[in-house]
Protein backbone atom coordinates (compact mmCIF):
# COMPACT_ATOMS: atom_id res chain seq x y z
CA GLU A 1 125.97 -5.46 48.70
CA ALA A 2 126.52 -6.07 52.37
CA GLY A 3 123.79 -8.20 53.92
CA SER A 4 122.77 -9.73 50.60
CA THR A 5 122.74 -13.33 49.39
CA VAL A 6 124.76 -14.15 46.27
CA SER A 7 124.58 -17.26 44.10
CA LEU A 8 127.85 -18.68 42.81
CA ARG A 9 128.41 -21.82 40.78
CA VAL A 10 131.01 -24.39 41.75
CA GLY A 11 134.21 -23.22 40.05
CA GLY A 12 132.84 -19.68 39.73
CA GLU A 13 134.61 -16.59 41.01
CA LEU A 14 133.36 -13.81 43.25
CA THR A 15 135.04 -10.40 43.44
CA ILE A 16 134.46 -8.05 46.36
CA ALA A 17 135.79 -4.48 46.17
CA LEU A 18 135.68 -2.31 49.30
CA PRO A 19 136.89 1.24 50.02
CA ALA A 20 140.10 1.29 52.07
CA ASN A 21 142.95 3.51 53.19
CA PRO A 22 145.92 1.40 54.39
CA SER A 23 147.90 4.52 55.31
CA THR A 24 145.63 4.80 58.39
CA GLY A 25 146.68 1.32 59.51
CA TYR A 26 143.26 -0.10 58.74
CA THR A 27 142.86 -2.95 56.30
CA TRP A 28 140.15 -5.42 55.35
CA VAL A 29 140.72 -8.97 56.59
CA VAL A 30 138.69 -12.12 56.08
CA PHE A 31 137.14 -12.76 59.48
CA SER A 32 135.10 -15.84 58.55
CA ILE A 33 134.55 -18.08 55.55
CA ASP A 34 133.43 -21.69 55.24
CA GLY A 35 136.47 -23.32 53.63
CA ASN A 36 134.35 -26.36 52.72
CA HIS A 37 132.53 -24.31 50.08
CA MET A 38 134.77 -21.37 49.20
CA ILE A 39 138.42 -20.37 49.11
CA GLN A 40 140.19 -17.04 48.88
CA MET A 41 142.17 -16.69 45.66
CA GLY A 42 145.50 -15.03 46.36
CA GLU A 43 146.11 -11.93 48.44
CA PRO A 44 143.85 -8.86 48.33
CA GLU A 45 144.96 -6.08 45.99
CA PHE A 46 144.90 -2.37 46.80
CA SER A 47 144.36 0.20 44.03
CA PRO A 48 144.84 3.84 45.12
CA GLU A 49 142.43 6.43 43.78
CA SER A 50 145.31 8.87 43.15
CA ASP A 51 149.11 9.07 43.18
CA LEU A 52 149.09 11.18 46.36
CA ILE A 53 150.79 9.64 49.37
CA GLY A 54 148.23 8.42 51.88
CA SER A 55 145.31 8.45 49.47
CA GLY A 56 142.48 6.00 49.86
CA GLY A 57 141.34 3.59 47.23
CA THR A 58 139.83 0.16 46.76
CA MET A 59 140.81 -3.20 48.21
CA THR A 60 139.76 -6.14 46.05
CA PHE A 61 139.31 -9.73 47.20
CA ARG A 62 138.69 -12.74 44.97
CA PHE A 63 137.01 -15.97 46.03
CA ALA A 64 136.10 -19.22 44.28
CA GLY A 65 133.27 -21.64 44.93
CA THR A 66 134.71 -25.10 45.54
CA ALA A 67 131.70 -27.24 46.56
CA ALA A 68 127.93 -26.87 46.77
CA GLY A 69 126.66 -25.38 50.00
CA ARG A 70 126.19 -22.15 51.87
CA SER A 71 128.90 -19.91 53.30
CA ASP A 72 128.67 -16.70 55.26
CA LEU A 73 131.60 -14.51 54.28
CA GLN A 74 132.62 -11.75 56.69
CA LEU A 75 135.35 -9.18 56.16
CA ASP A 76 136.34 -6.77 58.94
CA TYR A 77 138.05 -3.38 58.58
CA VAL A 78 140.62 -3.43 61.39
CA ARG A 79 144.08 -2.52 62.50
CA PRO A 80 145.38 -6.09 62.76
CA TRP A 81 147.66 -5.36 65.71
CA GLU A 82 144.86 -3.87 67.84
CA ASP A 83 142.45 -5.89 69.95
CA ALA A 84 139.44 -3.70 69.21
CA GLU A 85 136.08 -3.87 67.50
CA PRO A 86 136.23 -3.52 63.69
CA LEU A 87 135.74 -0.03 62.30
CA ASP A 88 133.44 -1.60 59.68
CA THR A 89 132.14 -5.05 58.73
CA PHE A 90 131.07 -6.49 55.38
CA LEU A 91 128.91 -9.63 55.56
CA VAL A 92 127.39 -11.54 52.66
CA THR A 93 125.89 -15.03 52.32
CA ILE A 94 127.10 -17.12 49.38
CA ASN A 95 125.05 -20.01 47.97
CA VAL A 96 127.44 -22.20 46.00
CA GLY A 97 125.77 -24.64 43.67
């Protein structure tokens, strides 16, 4: 959950799934992560909730713990080409150990 603290072992994987609708131009992007303790695994994946054009769904991110320590992970829901405040923010603290 947003605002929570999660424990992750070194070499462990963390999956974050957030509601999204790319047809609106908005997408989740990694705003901040401490690359000394975690890395993003691949590109995020979008799974639509239906076959209808423009339907929303879920965007899934995968991360791995690489070294012991603490990392704040923030994802922002933005239109990447706009210089505006995020429509939404997801922030979680990861304790890798």
